[in-house]
Amino acid sequence: MSTTFTIGTLAEAAGVNLETIRFYQRRGLLPEPTRPQGGIRRYGDPDLARVRFIKSAQRLGFSLDEVAELLKLEDGSHCGQARAQGERKLADVRARLADLQRIEHVLSELVARCHSARGRVCCPLIASLQG
């Protein structure tokens, strides 16, 4: 037996805001069901699965444009293409991690210099940012 949802119950079941559902529809990530004459649009289990897929991909750092590309491959028969997207995302994450490690190192040094500054000297952190 298939479950049917209103837009509100779909949002609740997926753990997202109702406006998120509408936004996904405007972006073409989620189809908008037809409204029966005088009735309310109904969503099904596949719609819930799709919203959950989108949110899972976003948690892994995929942008909505990248999610749209992954959705085109969701039937599972395009593993090579999906893997290539995953490899690109992994390379991006590794590059961002390297940047964050560099930032952490520089900030750590600046904060240490702040701790060692004595007297009426210019703050090393502020001086560094101004220079």
C-alpha atoms as a PDB file:
ATOM      1  CA  MET A   1       0.000   0.000   0.000  1.00  0.00           C
ATOM      2  CA  SER A   2       1.391   3.364  -1.030  1.00  0.00           C
ATOM      3  CA  THR A   3       1.385   6.332   1.328  1.00  0.00           C
ATOM      4  CA  THR A   4       0.107   9.673   0.131  1.00  0.00           C
ATOM      5  CA  PHE A   5       1.172  12.996   1.554  1.00  0.00           C
ATOM      6  CA  THR A   6       0.027  16.578   1.367  1.00  0.00           C
ATOM      7  CA  ILE A   7       2.887  19.025   0.858  1.00  0.00           C
ATOM      8  CA  GLY A   8       2.941  19.686   4.604  1.00  0.00           C
ATOM      9  CA  THR A   9       3.055  16.036   5.614  1.00  0.00           C
ATOM     10  CA  LEU A  10       5.696  15.360   2.944  1.00  0.00           C
ATOM     11  CA  ALA A  11       7.860  18.140   4.368  1.00  0.00           C
ATOM     12  CA  GLU A  12       7.381  16.809   7.899  1.00  0.00           C
ATOM     13  CA  ALA A  13       8.149  13.207   6.898  1.00  0.00           C
ATOM     14  CA  ALA A  14      11.308  14.348   5.086  1.00  0.00           C
ATOM     15  CA  GLY A  15      12.388  16.601   7.946  1.00  0.00           C
ATOM     16  CA  VAL A  16      12.402  19.763   5.850  1.00  0.00           C
ATOM     17  CA  ASN A  17      10.483  23.016   5.741  1.00  0.00           C
ATOM     18  CA  LEU A  18       7.423  23.255   3.502  1.00  0.00           C
ATOM     19  CA  GLU A  19       9.166  26.046   1.572  1.00  0.00           C
ATOM     20  CA  THR A  20      12.025  23.633   0.865  1.00  0.00           C
ATOM     21  CA  ILE A  21       9.604  21.387  -1.021  1.00  0.00           C
ATOM     22  CA  ARG A  22       8.374  24.343  -3.057  1.00  0.00           C
ATOM     23  CA  PHE A  23      11.940  25.478  -3.704  1.00  0.00           C
ATOM     24  CA  TYR A  24      12.916  22.011  -4.958  1.00  0.00           C
ATOM     25  CA  GLN A  25       9.914  22.097  -7.272  1.00  0.00           C
ATOM     26  CA  ARG A  26      10.886  25.511  -8.681  1.00  0.00           C
ATOM     27  CA  ARG A  27      14.426  24.205  -9.239  1.00  0.00           C
ATOM     28  CA  GLY A  28      13.074  21.160 -11.080  1.00  0.00           C
ATOM     29  CA  LEU A  29      14.435  18.727  -8.493  1.00  0.00           C
ATOM     30  CA  LEU A  30      11.020  17.484  -7.437  1.00  0.00           C
ATOM     31  CA  PRO A  31       8.025  17.158  -9.739  1.00  0.00           C
ATOM     32  CA  GLU A  32       4.874  18.983  -8.753  1.00  0.00           C
ATOM     33  CA  PRO A  33       1.904  16.602  -8.806  1.00  0.00           C
ATOM     34  CA  THR A  34      -1.205  17.641 -10.668  1.00  0.00           C
ATOM     35  CA  ARG A  35      -4.011  19.058  -8.603  1.00  0.00           C
ATOM     36  CA  PRO A  36      -7.217  17.115  -9.055  1.00  0.00           C
ATOM     37  CA  GLN A  37     -10.174  19.345  -9.830  1.00  0.00           C
ATOM     38  CA  GLY A  38     -11.192  20.893  -6.531  1.00  0.00           C
ATOM     39  CA  GLY A  39      -8.685  18.761  -4.662  1.00  0.00           C
ATOM     40  CA  ILE A  40      -5.302  18.853  -2.985  1.00  0.00           C
ATOM     41  CA  ARG A  41      -2.060  17.775  -4.601  1.00  0.00           C
ATOM     42  CA  ARG A  42      -0.857  14.434  -3.286  1.00  0.00           C
ATOM     43  CA  TYR A  43       2.710  13.199  -3.081  1.00  0.00           C
ATOM     44  CA  GLY A  44       3.813   9.598  -2.778  1.00  0.00           C
ATOM     45  CA  ASP A  45       6.614   7.482  -1.368  1.00  0.00           C
ATOM     46  CA  PRO A  46       8.831   8.144  -4.425  1.00  0.00           C
ATOM     47  CA  ASP A  47       8.576  11.882  -3.712  1.00  0.00           C
ATOM     48  CA  LEU A  48       9.604  11.328  -0.098  1.00  0.00           C
ATOM     49  CA  ALA A  49      12.530   9.185  -1.244  1.00  0.00           C
ATOM     50  CA  ARG A  50      13.569  11.903  -3.694  1.00  0.00           C
ATOM     51  CA  VAL A  51      13.555  14.644  -1.037  1.00  0.00           C
ATOM     52  CA  ARG A  52      15.583  12.396   1.260  1.00  0.00           C
ATOM     53  CA  PHE A  53      18.030  11.730  -1.601  1.00  0.00           C
ATOM     54  CA  ILE A  54      18.438  15.474  -2.176  1.00  0.00           C
ATOM     55  CA  LYS A  55      19.046  16.150   1.527  1.00  0.00           C
ATOM     56  CA  SER A  56      21.537  13.262   1.796  1.00  0.00           C
ATOM     57  CA  ALA A  57      23.487  14.559  -1.187  1.00  0.00           C
ATOM     58  CA  GLN A  58      23.502  18.075   0.271  1.00  0.00           C
ATOM     59  CA  ARG A  59      24.856  16.748   3.581  1.00  0.00           C
ATOM     60  CA  LEU A  60      27.757  15.292   1.587  1.00  0.00           C
ATOM     61  CA  GLY A  61      28.459  18.744   0.183  1.00  0.00           C
ATOM     62  CA  PHE A  62      26.830  18.459  -3.230  1.00  0.00           C
ATOM     63  CA  SER A  63      25.346  21.700  -4.534  1.00  0.00           C
ATOM     64  CA  LEU A  64      21.794  21.680  -5.868  1.00  0.00           C
ATOM     65  CA  ASP A  65      23.160  21.808  -9.425  1.00  0.00           C
ATOM     66  CA  GLU A  66      25.268  18.732  -8.659  1.00  0.00           C
ATOM     67  CA  VAL A  67      22.253  17.068  -7.038  1.00  0.00           C
ATOM     68  CA  ALA A  68      20.270  17.685 -10.231  1.00  0.00           C
ATOM     69  CA  GLU A  69      22.982  15.858 -12.175  1.00  0.00           C
ATOM     70  CA  LEU A  70      22.953  12.969  -9.688  1.00  0.00           C
ATOM     71  CA  LEU A  71      19.166  12.733  -9.939  1.00  0.00           C
ATOM     72  CA  LYS A  72      19.539  12.121 -13.669  1.00  0.00           C
ATOM     73  CA  LEU A  73      21.643   9.077 -12.749  1.00  0.00           C
ATOM     74  CA  GLU A  74      19.498   7.789  -9.882  1.00  0.00           C
ATOM     75  CA  ASP A  75      18.289   4.675 -11.676  1.00  0.00           C
ATOM     76  CA  GLY A  76      21.657   3.129 -10.744  1.00  0.00           C
ATOM     77  CA  SER A  77      22.717   2.190 -14.260  1.00  0.00           C
ATOM     78  CA  HIS A  78      25.211   5.057 -14.595  1.00  0.00           C
ATOM     79  CA  CYS A  79      27.615   4.115 -11.829  1.00  0.00           C
ATOM     80  CA  GLY A  80      30.673   5.362 -13.752  1.00  0.00           C
ATOM     81  CA  GLN A  81      29.201   8.837 -14.133  1.00  0.00           C
ATOM     82  CA  ALA A  82      28.079   8.933 -10.510  1.00  0.00           C
ATOM     83  CA  ARG A  83      31.531   7.775  -9.406  1.00  0.00           C
ATOM     84  CA  ALA A  84      33.161  10.542 -11.457  1.00  0.00           C
ATOM     85  CA  GLN A  85      30.951  13.125  -9.727  1.00  0.00           C
ATOM     86  CA  GLY A  86      31.834  11.604  -6.376  1.00  0.00           C
ATOM     87  CA  GLU A  87      35.535  11.745  -7.209  1.00  0.00           C
ATOM     88  CA  ARG A  88      35.251  15.429  -8.171  1.00  0.00           C
ATOM     89  CA  LYS A  89      33.441  16.182  -4.921  1.00  0.00           C
ATOM     90  CA  LEU A  90      36.061  14.245  -2.936  1.00  0.00           C
ATOM     91  CA  ALA A  91      38.866  16.219  -4.599  1.00  0.00           C
ATOM     92  CA  ASP A  92      37.035  19.444  -3.775  1.00  0.00           C
ATOM     93  CA  VAL A  93      36.572  18.409  -0.135  1.00  0.00           C
ATOM     94  CA  ARG A  94      40.258  17.493   0.141  1.00  0.00           C
ATOM     95  CA  ALA A  95      41.262  20.863  -1.315  1.00  0.00           C
ATOM     96  CA  ARG A  96      38.987  22.678   1.141  1.00  0.00           C
ATOM     97  CA  LEU A  97      40.431  20.618   4.011  1.00  0.00           C
ATOM     98  CA  ALA A  98      43.940  21.630   2.957  1.00  0.00           C
ATOM     99  CA  ASP A  99      42.828  25.278   2.901  1.00  0.00           C
ATOM    100  CA  LEU A 100      41.265  24.937   6.331  1.00  0.00           C
ATOM    101  CA  GLN A 101      44.431  23.338   7.704  1.00  0.00           C
ATOM    102  CA  ARG A 102      46.483  26.222   6.318  1.00  0.00           C
ATOM    103  CA  ILE A 103      44.067  28.732   7.849  1.00  0.00           C
ATOM    104  CA  GLU A 104      44.162  26.897  11.164  1.00  0.00           C
ATOM    105  CA  HIS A 105      47.978  26.966  11.181  1.00  0.00           C
ATOM    106  CA  VAL A 106      48.153  30.716  10.432  1.00  0.00           C
ATOM    107  CA  LEU A 107      45.471  31.576  13.000  1.00  0.00           C
ATOM    108  CA  SER A 108      47.138  29.389  15.591  1.00  0.00           C
ATOM    109  CA  GLU A 109      50.419  31.253  15.091  1.00  0.00           C
ATOM    110  CA  LEU A 110      48.706  34.650  15.255  1.00  0.00           C
ATOM    111  CA  VAL A 111      46.836  33.766  18.442  1.00  0.00           C
ATOM    112  CA  ALA A 112      50.062  32.505  20.014  1.00  0.00           C
ATOM    113  CA  ARG A 113      51.746  35.801  19.098  1.00  0.00           C
ATOM    114  CA  CYS A 114      48.846  37.638  20.746  1.00  0.00           C
ATOM    115  CA  HIS A 115      49.426  35.675  23.963  1.00  0.00           C
ATOM    116  CA  SER A 116      53.113  36.575  23.975  1.00  0.00           C
ATOM    117  CA  ALA A 117      52.615  40.287  23.218  1.00  0.00           C
ATOM    118  CA  ARG A 118      53.292  42.412  26.281  1.00  0.00           C
ATOM    119  CA  GLY A 119      52.972  46.080  27.026  1.00  0.00           C
ATOM    120  CA  ARG A 120      51.565  48.691  24.690  1.00  0.00           C
ATOM    121  CA  VAL A 121      52.335  46.944  21.409  1.00  0.00           C
ATOM    122  CA  CYS A 122      50.039  46.653  18.423  1.00  0.00           C
ATOM    123  CA  CYS A 123      47.954  43.473  18.487  1.00  0.00           C
ATOM    124  CA  PRO A 124      49.711  40.935  16.212  1.00  0.00           C
ATOM    125  CA  LEU A 125      46.397  39.582  14.905  1.00  0.00           C
ATOM    126  CA  ILE A 126      45.014  43.002  14.024  1.00  0.00           C
ATOM    127  CA  ALA A 127      48.359  44.121  12.567  1.00  0.00           C
ATOM    128  CA  SER A 128      48.504  41.001  10.407  1.00  0.00           C
ATOM    129  CA  LEU A 129      45.002  41.588   9.046  1.00  0.00           C
ATOM    130  CA  GLN A 130      45.747  45.244   8.363  1.00  0.00           C
ATOM    131  CA  GLY A 131      48.979  44.437   6.522  1.00  0.00           C
END
